[in-house]
Amino acid sequence: MPKNIDPQAVRRLAAQLRGLEVTEERAAQLAIEIARVNEAARAEGAKNDFNDQPTNFAVTLAVLAKR
């Protein structure tokens, strides 16, 4: 189950880390996308044995980013 991301936290972090002002609407959109990426990363991480194929995780994330 995806964890909810607080849109206000997205706004604060965008301002603090990147100096960006994000509208409430855009922050809500970004929060949904962040939750989706986090869920995919957790699911992929659970499938990987990093001792066998240490690059699988990075390759999978790159593929997901292109979707």
PDB file of N, CA and C in Angstrom:
ATOM      1  N   MET A   1       0.841  -1.181   0.000  1.00  0.00           N
ATOM      2  CA  MET A   1       0.000   0.000   0.000  1.00  0.00           C
ATOM      3  C   MET A   1       0.886   1.244   0.000  1.00  0.00           C
ATOM      4  N   PRO A   2       0.630   2.167  -0.919  1.00  0.00           N
ATOM      5  CA  PRO A   2       1.473   3.365  -0.983  1.00  0.00           C
ATOM      6  C   PRO A   2       1.281   4.248   0.243  1.00  0.00           C
ATOM      7  N   LYS A   3       2.374   4.817   0.669  1.00  0.00           N
ATOM      8  CA  LYS A   3       2.305   5.759   1.784  1.00  0.00           C
ATOM      9  C   LYS A   3       2.001   7.140   1.220  1.00  0.00           C
ATOM     10  N   ASN A   4       1.171   7.877   1.910  1.00  0.00           N
ATOM     11  CA  ASN A   4       0.835   9.229   1.463  1.00  0.00           C
ATOM     12  C   ASN A   4       1.999  10.169   1.716  1.00  0.00           C
ATOM     13  N   ILE A   5       2.201  11.064   0.787  1.00  0.00           N
ATOM     14  CA  ILE A   5       3.212  12.103   0.912  1.00  0.00           C
ATOM     15  C   ILE A   5       2.479  13.422   1.129  1.00  0.00           C
ATOM     16  N   ASP A   6       2.902  14.177   2.108  1.00  0.00           N
ATOM     17  CA  ASP A   6       2.268  15.452   2.443  1.00  0.00           C
ATOM     18  C   ASP A   6       2.652  16.516   1.415  1.00  0.00           C
ATOM     19  N   PRO A   7       1.674  17.038   0.667  1.00  0.00           N
ATOM     20  CA  PRO A   7       1.982  18.077  -0.320  1.00  0.00           C
ATOM     21  C   PRO A   7       2.653  19.311   0.292  1.00  0.00           C
ATOM     22  N   GLN A   8       2.310  19.640   1.522  1.00  0.00           N
ATOM     23  CA  GLN A   8       2.944  20.793   2.167  1.00  0.00           C
ATOM     24  C   GLN A   8       4.427  20.523   2.424  1.00  0.00           C
ATOM     25  N   ALA A   9       4.752  19.267   2.729  1.00  0.00           N
ATOM     26  CA  ALA A   9       6.156  18.905   2.899  1.00  0.00           C
ATOM     27  C   ALA A   9       6.900  19.043   1.572  1.00  0.00           C
ATOM     28  N   VAL A  10       6.232  18.685   0.484  1.00  0.00           N
ATOM     29  CA  VAL A  10       6.839  18.847  -0.840  1.00  0.00           C
ATOM     30  C   VAL A  10       7.143  20.320  -1.090  1.00  0.00           C
ATOM     31  N   ARG A  11       6.212  21.175  -0.755  1.00  0.00           N
ATOM     32  CA  ARG A  11       6.417  22.618  -0.942  1.00  0.00           C
ATOM     33  C   ARG A  11       7.587  23.126  -0.110  1.00  0.00           C
ATOM     34  N   ARG A  12       7.630  22.706   1.157  1.00  0.00           N
ATOM     35  CA  ARG A  12       8.718  23.146   2.039  1.00  0.00           C
ATOM     36  C   ARG A  12      10.074  22.657   1.545  1.00  0.00           C
ATOM     37  N   LEU A  13      10.129  21.392   1.159  1.00  0.00           N
ATOM     38  CA  LEU A  13      11.400  20.837   0.693  1.00  0.00           C
ATOM     39  C   LEU A  13      11.845  21.464  -0.623  1.00  0.00           C
ATOM     40  N   ALA A  14      10.918  21.722  -1.515  1.00  0.00           N
ATOM     41  CA  ALA A  14      11.274  22.376  -2.781  1.00  0.00           C
ATOM     42  C   ALA A  14      11.875  23.751  -2.503  1.00  0.00           C
ATOM     43  N   ALA A  15      11.284  24.463  -1.553  1.00  0.00           N
ATOM     44  CA  ALA A  15      11.786  25.792  -1.212  1.00  0.00           C
ATOM     45  C   ALA A  15      13.141  25.709  -0.509  1.00  0.00           C
ATOM     46  N   GLN A  16      13.255  24.811   0.456  1.00  0.00           N
ATOM     47  CA  GLN A  16      14.486  24.704   1.239  1.00  0.00           C
ATOM     48  C   GLN A  16      15.649  24.139   0.431  1.00  0.00           C
ATOM     49  N   LEU A  17      15.377  23.100  -0.340  1.00  0.00           N
ATOM     50  CA  LEU A  17      16.458  22.394  -1.021  1.00  0.00           C
ATOM     51  C   LEU A  17      16.804  22.964  -2.389  1.00  0.00           C
ATOM     52  N   ARG A  18      15.805  23.521  -3.069  1.00  0.00           N
ATOM     53  CA  ARG A  18      16.033  23.987  -4.437  1.00  0.00           C
ATOM     54  C   ARG A  18      15.698  25.456  -4.662  1.00  0.00           C
ATOM     55  N   GLY A  19      15.143  26.103  -3.649  1.00  0.00           N
ATOM     56  CA  GLY A  19      14.756  27.499  -3.816  1.00  0.00           C
ATOM     57  C   GLY A  19      13.597  27.673  -4.781  1.00  0.00           C
ATOM     58  N   LEU A  20      12.747  26.652  -4.892  1.00  0.00           N
ATOM     59  CA  LEU A  20      11.619  26.688  -5.823  1.00  0.00           C
ATOM     60  C   LEU A  20      10.316  26.961  -5.085  1.00  0.00           C
ATOM     61  N   GLU A  21       9.487  27.773  -5.701  1.00  0.00           N
ATOM     62  CA  GLU A  21       8.132  27.976  -5.180  1.00  0.00           C
ATOM     63  C   GLU A  21       7.204  27.076  -5.973  1.00  0.00           C
ATOM     64  N   VAL A  22       6.492  26.213  -5.269  1.00  0.00           N
ATOM     65  CA  VAL A  22       5.588  25.256  -5.893  1.00  0.00           C
ATOM     66  C   VAL A  22       4.170  25.575  -5.445  1.00  0.00           C
ATOM     67  N   THR A  23       3.247  25.618  -6.393  1.00  0.00           N
ATOM     68  CA  THR A  23       1.850  25.882  -6.038  1.00  0.00           C
ATOM     69  C   THR A  23       1.286  24.690  -5.274  1.00  0.00           C
ATOM     70  N   GLU A  24       0.196  24.926  -4.567  1.00  0.00           N
ATOM     71  CA  GLU A  24      -0.442  23.833  -3.830  1.00  0.00           C
ATOM     72  C   GLU A  24      -0.887  22.727  -4.773  1.00  0.00           C
ATOM     73  N   GLU A  25      -1.427  23.117  -5.926  1.00  0.00           N
ATOM     74  CA  GLU A  25      -1.890  22.129  -6.905  1.00  0.00           C
ATOM     75  C   GLU A  25      -0.721  21.278  -7.419  1.00  0.00           C
ATOM     76  N   ARG A  26       0.379  21.934  -7.762  1.00  0.00           N
ATOM     77  CA  ARG A  26       1.548  21.202  -8.264  1.00  0.00           C
ATOM     78  C   ARG A  26       2.163  20.340  -7.167  1.00  0.00           C
ATOM     79  N   ALA A  27       2.171  20.823  -5.936  1.00  0.00           N
ATOM     80  CA  ALA A  27       2.699  20.034  -4.825  1.00  0.00           C
ATOM     81  C   ALA A  27       1.880  18.759  -4.633  1.00  0.00           C
ATOM     82  N   ALA A  28       0.573  18.862  -4.798  1.00  0.00           N
ATOM     83  CA  ALA A  28      -0.290  17.683  -4.682  1.00  0.00           C
ATOM     84  C   ALA A  28       0.022  16.682  -5.791  1.00  0.00           C
ATOM     85  N   GLN A  29       0.259  17.177  -7.009  1.00  0.00           N
ATOM     86  CA  GLN A  29       0.627  16.297  -8.121  1.00  0.00           C
ATOM     87  C   GLN A  29       1.970  15.623  -7.854  1.00  0.00           C
ATOM     88  N   LEU A  30       2.925  16.398  -7.397  1.00  0.00           N
ATOM     89  CA  LEU A  30       4.253  15.854  -7.100  1.00  0.00           C
ATOM     90  C   LEU A  30       4.196  14.827  -5.979  1.00  0.00           C
ATOM     91  N   ALA A  31       3.364  15.073  -4.984  1.00  0.00           N
ATOM     92  CA  ALA A  31       3.238  14.140  -3.859  1.00  0.00           C
ATOM     93  C   ALA A  31       2.745  12.779  -4.339  1.00  0.00           C
ATOM     94  N   ILE A  32       1.805  12.771  -5.264  1.00  0.00           N
ATOM     95  CA  ILE A  32       1.301  11.516  -5.825  1.00  0.00           C
ATOM     96  C   ILE A  32       2.415  10.798  -6.581  1.00  0.00           C
ATOM     97  N   GLU A  33       3.165  11.548  -7.366  1.00  0.00           N
ATOM     98  CA  GLU A  33       4.257  10.958  -8.146  1.00  0.00           C
ATOM     99  C   GLU A  33       5.371  10.429  -7.236  1.00  0.00           C
ATOM    100  N   ILE A  34       5.697  11.173  -6.199  1.00  0.00           N
ATOM    101  CA  ILE A  34       6.723  10.727  -5.246  1.00  0.00           C
ATOM    102  C   ILE A  34       6.279   9.436  -4.569  1.00  0.00           C
ATOM    103  N   ALA A  35       5.025   9.365  -4.180  1.00  0.00           N
ATOM    104  CA  ALA A  35       4.507   8.150  -3.547  1.00  0.00           C
ATOM    105  C   ALA A  35       4.592   6.968  -4.509  1.00  0.00           C
ATOM    106  N   ARG A  36       4.296   7.189  -5.786  1.00  0.00           N
ATOM    107  CA  ARG A  36       4.353   6.127  -6.790  1.00  0.00           C
ATOM    108  C   ARG A  36       5.786   5.618  -6.961  1.00  0.00           C
ATOM    109  N   VAL A  37       6.720   6.548  -7.071  1.00  0.00           N
ATOM    110  CA  VAL A  37       8.129   6.165  -7.243  1.00  0.00           C
ATOM    111  C   VAL A  37       8.644   5.453  -5.988  1.00  0.00           C
ATOM    112  N   ASN A  38       8.274   5.949  -4.820  1.00  0.00           N
ATOM    113  CA  ASN A  38       8.702   5.310  -3.573  1.00  0.00           C
ATOM    114  C   ASN A  38       8.189   3.878  -3.491  1.00  0.00           C
ATOM    115  N   GLU A  39       6.925   3.682  -3.871  1.00  0.00           N
ATOM    116  CA  GLU A  39       6.336   2.346  -3.826  1.00  0.00           C
ATOM    117  C   GLU A  39       7.074   1.412  -4.789  1.00  0.00           C
ATOM    118  N   ALA A  40       7.358   1.889  -5.990  1.00  0.00           N
ATOM    119  CA  ALA A  40       8.078   1.069  -6.970  1.00  0.00           C
ATOM    120  C   ALA A  40       9.482   0.741  -6.474  1.00  0.00           C
ATOM    121  N   ALA A  41      10.142   1.713  -5.874  1.00  0.00           N
ATOM    122  CA  ALA A  41      11.494   1.481  -5.361  1.00  0.00           C
ATOM    123  C   ALA A  41      11.487   0.464  -4.224  1.00  0.00           C
ATOM    124  N   ARG A  42      10.518   0.567  -3.328  1.00  0.00           N
ATOM    125  CA  ARG A  42      10.429  -0.405  -2.229  1.00  0.00           C
ATOM    126  C   ARG A  42      10.149  -1.804  -2.761  1.00  0.00           C
ATOM    127  N   ALA A  43       9.237  -1.914  -3.723  1.00  0.00           N
ATOM    128  CA  ALA A  43       8.895  -3.225  -4.283  1.00  0.00           C
ATOM    129  C   ALA A  43      10.096  -3.839  -4.997  1.00  0.00           C
ATOM    130  N   GLU A  44      10.803  -3.035  -5.763  1.00  0.00           N
ATOM    131  CA  GLU A  44      11.968  -3.549  -6.482  1.00  0.00           C
ATOM    132  C   GLU A  44      13.082  -3.913  -5.514  1.00  0.00           C
ATOM    133  N   GLY A  45      13.280  -3.096  -4.517  1.00  0.00           N
ATOM    134  CA  GLY A  45      14.303  -3.385  -3.520  1.00  0.00           C
ATOM    135  C   GLY A  45      14.048  -4.692  -2.797  1.00  0.00           C
ATOM    136  N   ALA A  46      12.788  -4.998  -2.554  1.00  0.00           N
ATOM    137  CA  ALA A  46      12.436  -6.239  -1.868  1.00  0.00           C
ATOM    138  C   ALA A  46      12.735  -7.469  -2.725  1.00  0.00           C
ATOM    139  N   LYS A  47      12.744  -7.296  -4.054  1.00  0.00           N
ATOM    140  CA  LYS A  47      12.995  -8.418  -4.961  1.00  0.00           C
ATOM    141  C   LYS A  47      14.478  -8.658  -5.210  1.00  0.00           C
ATOM    142  N   ASN A  48      15.287  -7.660  -4.994  1.00  0.00           N
ATOM    143  CA  ASN A  48      16.695  -7.746  -5.361  1.00  0.00           C
ATOM    144  C   ASN A  48      17.556  -8.332  -4.260  1.00  0.00           C
ATOM    145  N   ASP A  49      18.529  -9.103  -4.689  1.00  0.00           N
ATOM    146  CA  ASP A  49      19.614  -9.523  -3.830  1.00  0.00           C
ATOM    147  C   ASP A  49      20.834  -8.761  -4.332  1.00  0.00           C
ATOM    148  N   PHE A  50      21.208  -7.735  -3.630  1.00  0.00           N
ATOM    149  CA  PHE A  50      22.257  -6.840  -4.109  1.00  0.00           C
ATOM    150  C   PHE A  50      23.615  -7.529  -4.222  1.00  0.00           C
ATOM    151  N   ASN A  51      23.796  -8.653  -3.550  1.00  0.00           N
ATOM    152  CA  ASN A  51      25.046  -9.381  -3.679  1.00  0.00           C
ATOM    153  C   ASN A  51      25.150 -10.086  -5.034  1.00  0.00           C
ATOM    154  N   ASP A  52      24.009 -10.476  -5.609  1.00  0.00           N
ATOM    155  CA  ASP A  52      24.010 -11.171  -6.892  1.00  0.00           C
ATOM    156  C   ASP A  52      24.085 -10.211  -8.073  1.00  0.00           C
ATOM    157  N   GLN A  53      23.236  -9.193  -8.064  1.00  0.00           N
ATOM    158  CA  GLN A  53      23.153  -8.256  -9.189  1.00  0.00           C
ATOM    159  C   GLN A  53      23.062  -6.820  -8.657  1.00  0.00           C
ATOM    160  N   PRO A  54      24.170  -6.230  -8.275  1.00  0.00           N
ATOM    161  CA  PRO A  54      24.121  -4.905  -7.649  1.00  0.00           C
ATOM    162  C   PRO A  54      23.595  -3.802  -8.558  1.00  0.00           C
ATOM    163  N   THR A  55      23.581  -4.005  -9.878  1.00  0.00           N
ATOM    164  CA  THR A  55      23.104  -2.942 -10.772  1.00  0.00           C
ATOM    165  C   THR A  55      21.625  -3.065 -11.117  1.00  0.00           C
ATOM    166  N   ASN A  56      20.977  -4.167 -10.770  1.00  0.00           N
ATOM    167  CA  ASN A  56      19.570  -4.340 -11.133  1.00  0.00           C
ATOM    168  C   ASN A  56      18.687  -3.216 -10.608  1.00  0.00           C
ATOM    169  N   PHE A  57      18.908  -2.807  -9.399  1.00  0.00           N
ATOM    170  CA  PHE A  57      18.063  -1.778  -8.794  1.00  0.00           C
ATOM    171  C   PHE A  57      18.155  -0.471  -9.576  1.00  0.00           C
ATOM    172  N   ALA A  58      19.352  -0.041  -9.873  1.00  0.00           N
ATOM    173  CA  ALA A  58      19.526   1.214 -10.620  1.00  0.00           C
ATOM    174  C   ALA A  58      18.942   1.107 -12.024  1.00  0.00           C
ATOM    175  N   VAL A  59      19.125  -0.012 -12.676  1.00  0.00           N
ATOM    176  CA  VAL A  59      18.580  -0.209 -14.023  1.00  0.00           C
ATOM    177  C   VAL A  59      17.057  -0.170 -13.972  1.00  0.00           C
ATOM    178  N   THR A  60      16.469  -0.823 -12.999  1.00  0.00           N
ATOM    179  CA  THR A  60      15.008  -0.831 -12.876  1.00  0.00           C
ATOM    180  C   THR A  60      14.474   0.567 -12.628  1.00  0.00           C
ATOM    181  N   LEU A  61      15.130   1.329 -11.765  1.00  0.00           N
ATOM    182  CA  LEU A  61      14.685   2.700 -11.514  1.00  0.00           C
ATOM    183  C   LEU A  61      14.778   3.543 -12.779  1.00  0.00           C
ATOM    184  N   ALA A  62      15.816   3.352 -13.564  1.00  0.00           N
ATOM    185  CA  ALA A  62      15.958   4.098 -14.817  1.00  0.00           C
ATOM    186  C   ALA A  62      14.828   3.751 -15.773  1.00  0.00           C
ATOM    187  N   VAL A  63      14.458   2.485 -15.840  1.00  0.00           N
ATOM    188  CA  VAL A  63      13.353   2.067 -16.703  1.00  0.00           C
ATOM    189  C   VAL A  63      12.044   2.661 -16.218  1.00  0.00           C
ATOM    190  N   LEU A  64      11.804   2.641 -14.909  1.00  0.00           N
ATOM    191  CA  LEU A  64      10.581   3.206 -14.357  1.00  0.00           C
ATOM    192  C   LEU A  64      10.504   4.712 -14.608  1.00  0.00           C
ATOM    193  N   ALA A  65      11.634   5.379 -14.583  1.00  0.00           N
ATOM    194  CA  ALA A  65      11.641   6.830 -14.792  1.00  0.00           C
ATOM    195  C   ALA A  65      11.222   7.194 -16.204  1.00  0.00           C
ATOM    196  N   LYS A  66      11.411   6.286 -17.138  1.00  0.00           N
ATOM    197  CA  LYS A  66      11.058   6.550 -18.535  1.00  0.00           C
ATOM    198  C   LYS A  66       9.578   6.302 -18.828  1.00  0.00           C
ATOM    199  N   ARG A  67       8.852   5.697 -17.896  1.00  0.00           N
ATOM    200  CA  ARG A  67       7.415   5.407 -18.116  1.00  0.00           C
ATOM    201  C   ARG A  67       6.580   6.639 -18.024  1.00  0.00           C
TER     202      ARG A  67
END
